[in-house]
Amino acid sequence: MALDANDLMMLKGMDSKEGLTPYEQYMVSYKQAKKPSGVAIAGLTVGVVGVVAGATAWIFGGMQASAKAGQAKEAAQSAKEIAAAQYQAALQLMNQQNANTNATLDRVIRGLERETDARVSGDVTLNQTITDTVSGSQQGTLTAQQQAELAASQATQQVMTQTYSDFVTGRASLNPTPVSLYSSPQPCNCPGCGCNG
């Protein structure tokens, strides 16, 4: 089944709107594969015209045969040119479809690669988090503000721990400055001891 100019224009119009579905692409390829090539059409046409020209020359002979052969040659040449033009148009259409399909496949493949990379990196992060949680070796980085808050919290905790320890051990009840008891000298009340008293 050969594609004529109307079929080719219809296919080209379908391509410019939404493109061909995979089924339509298959059918176009199938029909074009069944279609004889431009050379075969031209050869068949030349053969048919040659047979007609030969029969005409045999019947009418001479000059008329020569004129008809020239016309047949021109007709065969025209048919060959039309077939070649149709073949080239169909070939260009197929090449454009292949290029569009390849571009679409490239976009899909790049998208899948990006998604796969994102999933793999997410899985690595998730696995690392699970491993760190199970092993107890989670690591992270703190901002300067978080580090300052952590240092203040640790200092407060240390003071609270020390204060609690002092209350439990009794050190909190002690005077922070050691004091020794002292009294001023008193006159001695002993008789004859020799003190000024």
N, C-alpha and C. Protein backbone atom coordinates (compact mmCIF):
# COMPACT_ATOMS: atom_id res chain seq x y z
N MET A 1 0.86 -1.17 0.00
CA MET A 1 0.00 0.00 0.00
C MET A 1 0.90 1.23 0.00
N ALA A 2 0.82 2.03 -1.03
CA ALA A 2 1.70 3.20 -1.18
C ALA A 2 1.05 4.42 -0.54
N LEU A 3 1.89 5.30 -0.01
CA LEU A 3 1.40 6.57 0.55
C LEU A 3 1.40 7.61 -0.56
N ASP A 4 0.28 8.28 -0.70
CA ASP A 4 0.26 9.36 -1.68
C ASP A 4 0.51 10.68 -0.97
N ALA A 5 0.45 11.78 -1.71
CA ALA A 5 0.75 13.10 -1.16
C ALA A 5 -0.23 13.46 -0.04
N ASN A 6 -1.49 13.08 -0.17
CA ASN A 6 -2.49 13.38 0.89
C ASN A 6 -2.14 12.67 2.19
N ASP A 7 -1.73 11.39 2.08
CA ASP A 7 -1.35 10.65 3.29
C ASP A 7 -0.15 11.29 3.97
N LEU A 8 0.84 11.69 3.16
CA LEU A 8 2.03 12.31 3.74
C LEU A 8 1.69 13.63 4.41
N MET A 9 0.81 14.42 3.82
CA MET A 9 0.41 15.71 4.42
C MET A 9 -0.36 15.47 5.71
N MET A 10 -1.23 14.45 5.71
CA MET A 10 -1.98 14.12 6.92
C MET A 10 -1.02 13.72 8.04
N LEU A 11 -0.02 12.88 7.72
CA LEU A 11 0.96 12.47 8.73
C LEU A 11 1.76 13.66 9.25
N LYS A 12 2.13 14.53 8.33
CA LYS A 12 2.89 15.71 8.74
C LYS A 12 2.04 16.60 9.63
N GLY A 13 0.75 16.76 9.31
CA GLY A 13 -0.16 17.56 10.13
C GLY A 13 -0.35 16.95 11.51
N MET A 14 -0.41 15.64 11.58
CA MET A 14 -0.55 14.97 12.89
C MET A 14 0.70 15.20 13.72
N ASP A 15 1.84 15.21 13.09
CA ASP A 15 3.10 15.40 13.81
C ASP A 15 3.17 16.78 14.43
N SER A 16 2.67 17.80 13.75
CA SER A 16 2.80 19.17 14.24
C SER A 16 1.88 19.43 15.42
N LYS A 17 0.78 18.65 15.58
CA LYS A 17 -0.16 18.89 16.68
C LYS A 17 0.29 18.15 17.93
N GLU A 18 0.23 16.83 17.89
CA GLU A 18 0.49 16.07 19.11
C GLU A 18 1.53 14.98 18.89
N GLY A 19 1.93 14.72 17.69
CA GLY A 19 2.85 13.63 17.41
C GLY A 19 2.06 12.34 17.23
N LEU A 20 2.73 11.32 16.77
CA LEU A 20 2.08 10.05 16.53
C LEU A 20 2.18 9.18 17.76
N THR A 21 1.14 8.39 18.00
CA THR A 21 1.19 7.43 19.09
C THR A 21 2.10 6.30 18.64
N PRO A 22 2.57 5.48 19.57
CA PRO A 22 3.42 4.35 19.16
C PRO A 22 2.73 3.44 18.15
N TYR A 23 1.41 3.24 18.29
CA TYR A 23 0.69 2.41 17.32
C TYR A 23 0.73 3.05 15.94
N GLU A 24 0.47 4.38 15.91
CA GLU A 24 0.48 5.05 14.61
C GLU A 24 1.87 5.02 13.99
N GLN A 25 2.91 5.17 14.82
CA GLN A 25 4.27 5.10 14.30
C GLN A 25 4.54 3.71 13.72
N TYR A 26 4.06 2.69 14.43
CA TYR A 26 4.26 1.34 13.94
C TYR A 26 3.55 1.15 12.60
N MET A 27 2.30 1.63 12.51
CA MET A 27 1.53 1.45 11.27
C MET A 27 2.19 2.20 10.11
N VAL A 28 2.70 3.43 10.39
CA VAL A 28 3.38 4.17 9.32
C VAL A 28 4.60 3.40 8.86
N SER A 29 5.38 2.87 9.81
CA SER A 29 6.57 2.10 9.45
C SER A 29 6.19 0.85 8.67
N TYR A 30 5.13 0.19 9.12
CA TYR A 30 4.69 -1.03 8.47
C TYR A 30 4.26 -0.76 7.04
N LYS A 31 3.45 0.31 6.88
CA LYS A 31 2.96 0.63 5.53
C LYS A 31 4.09 1.08 4.62
N GLN A 32 5.04 1.80 5.19
CA GLN A 32 6.15 2.23 4.36
C GLN A 32 7.06 1.06 4.00
N ALA A 33 7.15 0.09 4.87
CA ALA A 33 7.96 -1.08 4.57
C ALA A 33 7.32 -1.90 3.45
N LYS A 34 5.98 -1.90 3.40
CA LYS A 34 5.28 -2.64 2.35
C LYS A 34 5.30 -1.87 1.03
N LYS A 35 5.50 -0.55 1.14
CA LYS A 35 5.46 0.29 -0.05
C LYS A 35 6.73 0.04 -0.86
N PRO A 36 6.59 -0.11 -2.14
CA PRO A 36 7.79 -0.29 -2.95
C PRO A 36 8.61 1.00 -2.96
N SER A 37 9.90 0.87 -3.09
CA SER A 37 10.77 2.05 -3.07
C SER A 37 10.56 2.87 -4.34
N GLY A 38 11.05 4.09 -4.31
CA GLY A 38 10.92 4.99 -5.47
C GLY A 38 11.59 4.40 -6.70
N VAL A 39 12.69 3.70 -6.50
CA VAL A 39 13.40 3.10 -7.64
C VAL A 39 12.54 1.98 -8.25
N ALA A 40 11.90 1.20 -7.38
CA ALA A 40 11.06 0.11 -7.89
C ALA A 40 9.86 0.67 -8.65
N ILE A 41 9.26 1.72 -8.09
CA ILE A 41 8.12 2.34 -8.79
C ILE A 41 8.56 2.91 -10.12
N ALA A 42 9.70 3.59 -10.08
CA ALA A 42 10.21 4.16 -11.33
C ALA A 42 10.53 3.05 -12.33
N GLY A 43 11.12 1.97 -11.86
CA GLY A 43 11.44 0.85 -12.76
C GLY A 43 10.19 0.22 -13.34
N LEU A 44 9.19 0.02 -12.47
CA LEU A 44 7.93 -0.55 -12.94
C LEU A 44 7.29 0.36 -13.97
N THR A 45 7.28 1.66 -13.64
CA THR A 45 6.68 2.63 -14.57
C THR A 45 7.44 2.63 -15.90
N VAL A 46 8.74 2.65 -15.81
CA VAL A 46 9.54 2.65 -17.05
C VAL A 46 9.28 1.36 -17.83
N GLY A 47 9.17 0.24 -17.09
CA GLY A 47 8.91 -1.03 -17.77
C GLY A 47 7.56 -1.04 -18.46
N VAL A 48 6.52 -0.55 -17.75
CA VAL A 48 5.19 -0.52 -18.35
C VAL A 48 5.18 0.41 -19.55
N VAL A 49 5.75 1.59 -19.36
CA VAL A 49 5.78 2.55 -20.47
C VAL A 49 6.60 1.98 -21.62
N GLY A 50 7.66 1.29 -21.28
CA GLY A 50 8.49 0.68 -22.34
C GLY A 50 7.72 -0.36 -23.13
N VAL A 51 6.94 -1.17 -22.42
CA VAL A 51 6.13 -2.19 -23.10
C VAL A 51 5.11 -1.51 -24.02
N VAL A 52 4.44 -0.47 -23.46
CA VAL A 52 3.45 0.26 -24.27
C VAL A 52 4.14 0.90 -25.48
N ALA A 53 5.29 1.50 -25.21
CA ALA A 53 6.01 2.14 -26.32
C ALA A 53 6.45 1.12 -27.36
N GLY A 54 6.89 -0.03 -26.90
CA GLY A 54 7.31 -1.08 -27.84
C GLY A 54 6.14 -1.57 -28.68
N ALA A 55 5.00 -1.78 -28.02
CA ALA A 55 3.82 -2.23 -28.74
C ALA A 55 3.38 -1.18 -29.75
N THR A 56 3.41 0.08 -29.32
CA THR A 56 3.02 1.16 -30.24
C THR A 56 3.98 1.23 -31.42
N ALA A 57 5.25 1.11 -31.16
CA ALA A 57 6.23 1.16 -32.24
C ALA A 57 6.05 -0.03 -33.19
N TRP A 58 5.75 -1.16 -32.65
CA TRP A 58 5.58 -2.32 -33.50
C TRP A 58 4.34 -2.18 -34.36
N ILE A 59 3.26 -1.60 -33.75
CA ILE A 59 2.02 -1.46 -34.49
C ILE A 59 2.13 -0.33 -35.51
N PHE A 60 2.49 0.83 -35.05
CA PHE A 60 2.45 1.99 -35.94
C PHE A 60 3.76 2.26 -36.64
N GLY A 61 4.85 1.79 -36.03
CA GLY A 61 6.14 1.90 -36.69
C GLY A 61 6.64 3.33 -36.83
N GLY A 62 7.83 3.41 -37.29
CA GLY A 62 8.48 4.63 -37.72
C GLY A 62 8.42 5.81 -36.79
N MET A 63 7.88 6.90 -37.35
CA MET A 63 7.91 8.21 -36.71
C MET A 63 7.01 8.27 -35.48
N GLN A 64 5.85 7.68 -35.61
CA GLN A 64 4.94 7.71 -34.48
C GLN A 64 5.56 6.94 -33.31
N ALA A 65 6.23 5.87 -33.61
CA ALA A 65 6.89 5.10 -32.56
C ALA A 65 7.97 5.93 -31.89
N SER A 66 8.69 6.67 -32.66
CA SER A 66 9.75 7.51 -32.11
C SER A 66 9.15 8.60 -31.22
N ALA A 67 8.07 9.23 -31.66
CA ALA A 67 7.42 10.28 -30.87
C ALA A 67 6.87 9.70 -29.57
N LYS A 68 6.22 8.56 -29.68
CA LYS A 68 5.65 7.94 -28.47
C LYS A 68 6.74 7.51 -27.50
N ALA A 69 7.85 7.04 -28.02
CA ALA A 69 8.96 6.64 -27.16
C ALA A 69 9.50 7.85 -26.40
N GLY A 70 9.58 9.00 -27.08
CA GLY A 70 10.03 10.23 -26.41
C GLY A 70 9.06 10.63 -25.31
N GLN A 71 7.75 10.53 -25.63
CA GLN A 71 6.74 10.88 -24.63
C GLN A 71 6.79 9.89 -23.45
N ALA A 72 6.95 8.63 -23.78
CA ALA A 72 7.02 7.62 -22.73
C ALA A 72 8.25 7.84 -21.84
N LYS A 73 9.34 8.24 -22.46
CA LYS A 73 10.54 8.51 -21.70
C LYS A 73 10.33 9.69 -20.76
N GLU A 74 9.68 10.74 -21.26
CA GLU A 74 9.38 11.92 -20.43
C GLU A 74 8.42 11.54 -19.29
N ALA A 75 7.40 10.73 -19.62
CA ALA A 75 6.45 10.30 -18.59
C ALA A 75 7.15 9.46 -17.53
N ALA A 76 8.03 8.57 -17.99
CA ALA A 76 8.77 7.73 -17.04
C ALA A 76 9.68 8.58 -16.17
N GLN A 77 10.32 9.57 -16.77
CA GLN A 77 11.18 10.47 -16.00
C GLN A 77 10.37 11.26 -14.97
N SER A 78 9.19 11.75 -15.37
CA SER A 78 8.31 12.48 -14.45
C SER A 78 7.86 11.58 -13.30
N ALA A 79 7.47 10.34 -13.67
CA ALA A 79 7.04 9.39 -12.64
C ALA A 79 8.18 9.08 -11.67
N LYS A 80 9.35 8.95 -12.21
CA LYS A 80 10.52 8.67 -11.37
C LYS A 80 10.79 9.84 -10.43
N GLU A 81 10.69 11.07 -10.93
CA GLU A 81 10.93 12.26 -10.10
C GLU A 81 9.87 12.39 -9.01
N ILE A 82 8.58 12.12 -9.36
CA ILE A 82 7.51 12.19 -8.35
C ILE A 82 7.73 11.12 -7.29
N ALA A 83 8.06 9.90 -7.72
CA ALA A 83 8.30 8.82 -6.76
C ALA A 83 9.49 9.15 -5.86
N ALA A 84 10.54 9.71 -6.44
CA ALA A 84 11.72 10.08 -5.64
C ALA A 84 11.37 11.18 -4.65
N ALA A 85 10.55 12.16 -5.07
CA ALA A 85 10.14 13.24 -4.17
C ALA A 85 9.30 12.70 -3.02
N GLN A 86 8.37 11.78 -3.34
CA GLN A 86 7.55 11.18 -2.28
C GLN A 86 8.41 10.36 -1.32
N TYR A 87 9.36 9.65 -1.88
CA TYR A 87 10.26 8.85 -1.04
C TYR A 87 11.07 9.75 -0.11
N GLN A 88 11.60 10.84 -0.65
CA GLN A 88 12.38 11.78 0.17
C GLN A 88 11.52 12.42 1.26
N ALA A 89 10.27 12.78 0.91
CA ALA A 89 9.37 13.38 1.90
C ALA A 89 9.07 12.39 3.02
N ALA A 90 8.80 11.14 2.64
CA ALA A 90 8.53 10.12 3.66
C ALA A 90 9.77 9.86 4.51
N LEU A 91 10.93 9.84 3.89
CA LEU A 91 12.18 9.63 4.61
C LEU A 91 12.44 10.77 5.59
N GLN A 92 12.20 12.00 5.17
CA GLN A 92 12.38 13.15 6.07
C GLN A 92 11.41 13.07 7.24
N LEU A 93 10.18 12.68 6.96
CA LEU A 93 9.18 12.55 8.01
C LEU A 93 9.60 11.48 9.02
N MET A 94 10.08 10.36 8.52
CA MET A 94 10.54 9.29 9.41
C MET A 94 11.75 9.75 10.22
N ASN A 95 12.68 10.46 9.58
CA ASN A 95 13.86 10.94 10.29
C ASN A 95 13.47 11.93 11.39
N GLN A 96 12.51 12.79 11.10
CA GLN A 96 12.05 13.76 12.10
C GLN A 96 11.38 13.03 13.27
N GLN A 97 10.56 12.02 12.94
CA GLN A 97 9.93 11.23 14.00
C GLN A 97 10.97 10.53 14.86
N ASN A 98 12.00 9.97 14.23
CA ASN A 98 13.06 9.31 14.98
C ASN A 98 13.80 10.30 15.87
N ALA A 99 14.07 11.48 15.34
CA ALA A 99 14.75 12.51 16.14
C ALA A 99 13.88 12.92 17.33
N ASN A 100 12.58 13.11 17.09
CA ASN A 100 11.67 13.47 18.18
C ASN A 100 11.60 12.36 19.23
N THR A 101 11.53 11.12 18.77
CA THR A 101 11.48 9.99 19.70
C THR A 101 12.77 9.90 20.50
N ASN A 102 13.91 10.08 19.84
CA ASN A 102 15.19 10.03 20.55
C ASN A 102 15.30 11.15 21.57
N ALA A 103 14.84 12.35 21.21
CA ALA A 103 14.88 13.48 22.15
C ALA A 103 13.99 13.20 23.36
N THR A 104 12.80 12.65 23.11
CA THR A 104 11.90 12.31 24.21
C THR A 104 12.51 11.25 25.11
N LEU A 105 13.10 10.22 24.50
CA LEU A 105 13.75 9.17 25.29
C LEU A 105 14.90 9.74 26.11
N ASP A 106 15.68 10.64 25.51
CA ASP A 106 16.79 11.26 26.26
C ASP A 106 16.27 12.02 27.47
N ARG A 107 15.16 12.78 27.28
CA ARG A 107 14.58 13.53 28.42
C ARG A 107 14.10 12.58 29.50
N VAL A 108 13.45 11.51 29.10
CA VAL A 108 12.94 10.55 30.08
C VAL A 108 14.10 9.88 30.82
N ILE A 109 15.14 9.50 30.08
CA ILE A 109 16.30 8.85 30.70
C ILE A 109 16.99 9.79 31.68
N ARG A 110 17.17 11.07 31.29
CA ARG A 110 17.79 12.04 32.21
C ARG A 110 16.95 12.21 33.46
N GLY A 111 15.63 12.26 33.31
CA GLY A 111 14.75 12.38 34.47
C GLY A 111 14.86 11.18 35.39
N LEU A 112 14.90 9.99 34.80
CA LEU A 112 15.05 8.78 35.61
C LEU A 112 16.40 8.74 36.31
N GLU A 113 17.45 9.19 35.62
CA GLU A 113 18.77 9.23 36.26
C GLU A 113 18.76 10.17 37.45
N ARG A 114 18.15 11.38 37.28
CA ARG A 114 18.08 12.33 38.40
C ARG A 114 17.29 11.75 39.55
N GLU A 115 16.16 11.09 39.25
CA GLU A 115 15.34 10.51 40.30
C GLU A 115 16.10 9.38 41.01
N THR A 116 16.79 8.55 40.24
CA THR A 116 17.57 7.47 40.83
C THR A 116 18.67 8.01 41.72
N ASP A 117 19.38 9.05 41.24
CA ASP A 117 20.44 9.66 42.05
C ASP A 117 19.87 10.22 43.35
N ALA A 118 18.73 10.87 43.26
CA ALA A 118 18.11 11.44 44.46
C ALA A 118 17.70 10.33 45.43
N ARG A 119 17.14 9.25 44.90
CA ARG A 119 16.74 8.14 45.77
C ARG A 119 17.96 7.48 46.41
N VAL A 120 19.02 7.29 45.64
CA VAL A 120 20.22 6.66 46.19
C VAL A 120 20.82 7.53 47.28
N SER A 121 20.94 8.84 47.05
CA SER A 121 21.51 9.71 48.08
C SER A 121 20.60 9.77 49.29
N GLY A 122 19.30 9.74 49.09
CA GLY A 122 18.36 9.71 50.22
C GLY A 122 18.48 8.41 50.99
N ASP A 123 18.65 7.29 50.27
CA ASP A 123 18.81 6.00 50.93
C ASP A 123 20.10 5.97 51.74
N VAL A 124 21.17 6.55 51.19
CA VAL A 124 22.44 6.59 51.92
C VAL A 124 22.28 7.40 53.19
N THR A 125 21.62 8.56 53.09
CA THR A 125 21.40 9.40 54.27
C THR A 125 20.53 8.66 55.28
N LEU A 126 19.46 8.04 54.81
CA LEU A 126 18.57 7.30 55.69
C LEU A 126 19.31 6.14 56.34
N ASN A 127 20.07 5.38 55.55
CA ASN A 127 20.82 4.25 56.11
C ASN A 127 21.85 4.74 57.12
N GLN A 128 22.52 5.85 56.83
CA GLN A 128 23.51 6.39 57.76
C GLN A 128 22.84 6.81 59.05
N THR A 129 21.66 7.43 58.95
CA THR A 129 20.93 7.85 60.14
C THR A 129 20.52 6.65 60.96
N ILE A 130 20.02 5.62 60.31
CA ILE A 130 19.62 4.40 61.03
C ILE A 130 20.84 3.77 61.69
N THR A 131 21.94 3.67 60.95
CA THR A 131 23.16 3.09 61.50
C THR A 131 23.65 3.90 62.69
N ASP A 132 23.66 5.22 62.57
CA ASP A 132 24.10 6.08 63.67
C ASP A 132 23.18 5.93 64.87
N THR A 133 21.88 5.82 64.63
CA THR A 133 20.93 5.69 65.73
C THR A 133 21.15 4.37 66.45
N VAL A 134 21.32 3.30 65.70
CA VAL A 134 21.51 1.99 66.31
C VAL A 134 22.84 1.94 67.05
N SER A 135 23.90 2.49 66.44
CA SER A 135 25.22 2.43 67.07
C SER A 135 25.41 3.53 68.11
N GLY A 136 24.56 4.53 68.11
CA GLY A 136 24.69 5.62 69.07
C GLY A 136 25.76 6.62 68.70
N SER A 137 26.17 6.64 67.45
CA SER A 137 27.26 7.55 67.06
C SER A 137 26.77 8.59 66.08
N GLN A 138 25.65 9.19 66.41
CA GLN A 138 25.14 10.24 65.52
C GLN A 138 26.05 11.45 65.58
N GLN A 139 26.26 12.02 64.44
CA GLN A 139 27.11 13.20 64.37
C GLN A 139 26.37 14.28 63.62
N GLY A 140 26.64 15.48 64.00
CA GLY A 140 26.01 16.59 63.32
C GLY A 140 26.83 17.85 63.54
N THR A 141 26.46 18.89 62.90
CA THR A 141 27.15 20.17 63.07
C THR A 141 26.17 21.16 63.66
N LEU A 142 26.69 22.00 64.55
CA LEU A 142 25.87 23.00 65.22
C LEU A 142 26.24 24.38 64.71
N THR A 143 25.25 25.25 64.70
CA THR A 143 25.53 26.64 64.35
C THR A 143 26.19 27.30 65.55
N ALA A 144 26.72 28.49 65.35
CA ALA A 144 27.38 29.21 66.43
C ALA A 144 26.40 29.47 67.57
N GLN A 145 25.19 29.84 67.27
CA GLN A 145 24.18 30.09 68.30
C GLN A 145 23.88 28.81 69.07
N GLN A 146 23.74 27.70 68.37
CA GLN A 146 23.47 26.43 69.03
C GLN A 146 24.64 26.03 69.93
N GLN A 147 25.88 26.28 69.47
CA GLN A 147 27.04 25.96 70.28
C GLN A 147 27.07 26.81 71.54
N ALA A 148 26.75 28.11 71.42
CA ALA A 148 26.72 28.99 72.58
C ALA A 148 25.65 28.54 73.57
N GLU A 149 24.47 28.20 73.06
CA GLU A 149 23.40 27.72 73.93
C GLU A 149 23.78 26.42 74.61
N LEU A 150 24.45 25.54 73.90
CA LEU A 150 24.89 24.28 74.47
C LEU A 150 25.92 24.52 75.56
N ALA A 151 26.88 25.43 75.35
CA ALA A 151 27.90 25.73 76.36
C ALA A 151 27.25 26.33 77.60
N ALA A 152 26.29 27.24 77.42
CA ALA A 152 25.60 27.84 78.57
C ALA A 152 24.81 26.77 79.32
N SER A 153 24.16 25.88 78.61
CA SER A 153 23.40 24.81 79.23
C SER A 153 24.31 23.88 80.02
N GLN A 154 25.48 23.58 79.45
CA GLN A 154 26.42 22.70 80.15
C GLN A 154 26.97 23.39 81.40
N ALA A 155 27.24 24.69 81.32
CA ALA A 155 27.73 25.43 82.49
C ALA A 155 26.68 25.45 83.59
N THR A 156 25.42 25.70 83.20
CA THR A 156 24.33 25.70 84.18
C THR A 156 24.19 24.33 84.81
N GLN A 157 24.27 23.31 84.02
CA GLN A 157 24.16 21.94 84.52
C GLN A 157 25.30 21.63 85.49
N GLN A 158 26.50 22.10 85.20
CA GLN A 158 27.64 21.86 86.07
C GLN A 158 27.44 22.55 87.43
N VAL A 159 26.95 23.81 87.40
CA VAL A 159 26.70 24.54 88.65
C VAL A 159 25.63 23.82 89.46
N MET A 160 24.56 23.38 88.79
CA MET A 160 23.48 22.69 89.49
C MET A 160 23.99 21.38 90.10
N THR A 161 24.81 20.66 89.37
CA THR A 161 25.37 19.41 89.88
C THR A 161 26.25 19.66 91.09
N GLN A 162 27.10 20.68 91.03
CA GLN A 162 27.99 21.01 92.15
C GLN A 162 27.18 21.44 93.38
N THR A 163 26.15 22.27 93.17
CA THR A 163 25.31 22.73 94.28
C THR A 163 24.60 21.55 94.94
N TYR A 164 24.06 20.66 94.14
CA TYR A 164 23.40 19.48 94.67
C TYR A 164 24.38 18.64 95.48
N SER A 165 25.57 18.46 94.92
CA SER A 165 26.60 17.68 95.60
C SER A 165 26.97 18.33 96.94
N ASP A 166 27.07 19.66 96.95
CA ASP A 166 27.41 20.36 98.20
C ASP A 166 26.32 20.17 99.25
N PHE A 167 25.05 20.20 98.86
CA PHE A 167 23.97 20.00 99.82
C PHE A 167 23.95 18.57 100.34
N VAL A 168 24.18 17.63 99.45
CA VAL A 168 24.15 16.23 99.87
C VAL A 168 25.31 15.92 100.81
N THR A 169 26.50 16.46 100.53
CA THR A 169 27.67 16.14 101.36
C THR A 169 27.78 17.04 102.59
N GLY A 170 26.99 18.08 102.70
CA GLY A 170 27.03 18.97 103.85
C GLY A 170 27.96 20.15 103.68
N ARG A 171 28.64 20.26 102.60
CA ARG A 171 29.55 21.38 102.40
C ARG A 171 28.80 22.69 102.31
N ALA A 172 27.54 22.67 101.94
CA ALA A 172 26.78 23.91 101.81
C ALA A 172 26.51 24.54 103.16
N SER A 173 26.50 23.73 104.23
CA SER A 173 26.24 24.29 105.55
C SER A 173 27.49 24.88 106.17
N LEU A 174 28.62 24.67 105.60
CA LEU A 174 29.87 25.23 106.12
C LEU A 174 30.01 26.68 105.69
N ASN A 175 30.68 27.47 106.51
CA ASN A 175 30.97 28.86 106.18
C ASN A 175 32.04 28.86 105.10
N PRO A 176 31.86 29.65 104.08
CA PRO A 176 32.86 29.63 103.02
C PRO A 176 34.21 30.15 103.50
N THR A 177 34.23 31.03 104.48
CA THR A 177 35.50 31.52 105.03
C THR A 177 35.72 30.84 106.37
N PRO A 178 36.79 30.08 106.52
CA PRO A 178 37.01 29.40 107.79
C PRO A 178 37.20 30.43 108.92
N VAL A 179 36.55 30.18 110.05
CA VAL A 179 36.61 31.10 111.20
C VAL A 179 37.17 30.32 112.40
N SER A 180 38.08 30.96 113.11
CA SER A 180 38.54 30.36 114.36
C SER A 180 38.03 31.23 115.52
N LEU A 181 37.68 30.62 116.59
CA LEU A 181 37.15 31.35 117.72
C LEU A 181 38.29 32.05 118.47
N TYR A 182 38.06 33.29 118.83
CA TYR A 182 39.10 34.09 119.52
C TYR A 182 38.43 34.96 120.58
N SER A 183 39.07 35.04 121.72
CA SER A 183 38.56 35.95 122.75
C SER A 183 39.72 36.83 123.21
N SER A 184 39.40 38.02 123.66
CA SER A 184 40.45 38.96 124.09
C SER A 184 41.07 38.48 125.42
N PRO A 185 42.30 38.90 125.71
CA PRO A 185 42.95 38.43 126.94
C PRO A 185 42.21 38.94 128.19
N GLN A 186 42.08 38.07 129.12
CA GLN A 186 41.41 38.35 130.40
C GLN A 186 42.48 38.36 131.52
N PRO A 187 42.21 39.18 132.54
CA PRO A 187 43.18 39.12 133.64
C PRO A 187 43.12 37.75 134.33
N CYS A 188 44.24 37.32 134.71
CA CYS A 188 44.37 36.01 135.32
C CYS A 188 43.87 36.07 136.77
N ASN A 189 43.13 35.12 137.20
CA ASN A 189 42.57 35.07 138.55
C ASN A 189 43.34 34.11 139.47
N CYS A 190 44.45 33.67 139.08
CA CYS A 190 45.15 32.74 139.92
C CYS A 190 46.11 33.51 140.87
N PRO A 191 46.13 33.10 142.11
CA PRO A 191 46.99 33.76 143.05
C PRO A 191 48.46 33.36 142.86
N GLY A 192 49.28 34.27 142.80
CA GLY A 192 50.72 34.12 142.78
C GLY A 192 51.25 33.46 141.53
N CYS A 193 50.57 33.61 140.47
CA CYS A 193 51.10 32.95 139.27
C CYS A 193 52.02 33.88 138.52
N GLY A 194 52.04 35.06 138.85
CA GLY A 194 52.97 35.99 138.21
C GLY A 194 52.41 36.66 136.99
N CYS A 195 51.21 36.50 136.71
CA CYS A 195 50.63 37.24 135.60
C CYS A 195 50.12 38.55 136.15
N ASN A 196 49.91 39.44 135.51
CA ASN A 196 49.57 40.79 135.92
C ASN A 196 48.16 40.84 136.49
N GLY A 197 47.90 40.10 137.24
CA GLY A 197 46.55 40.09 137.68
C GLY A 197 46.34 40.04 139.07
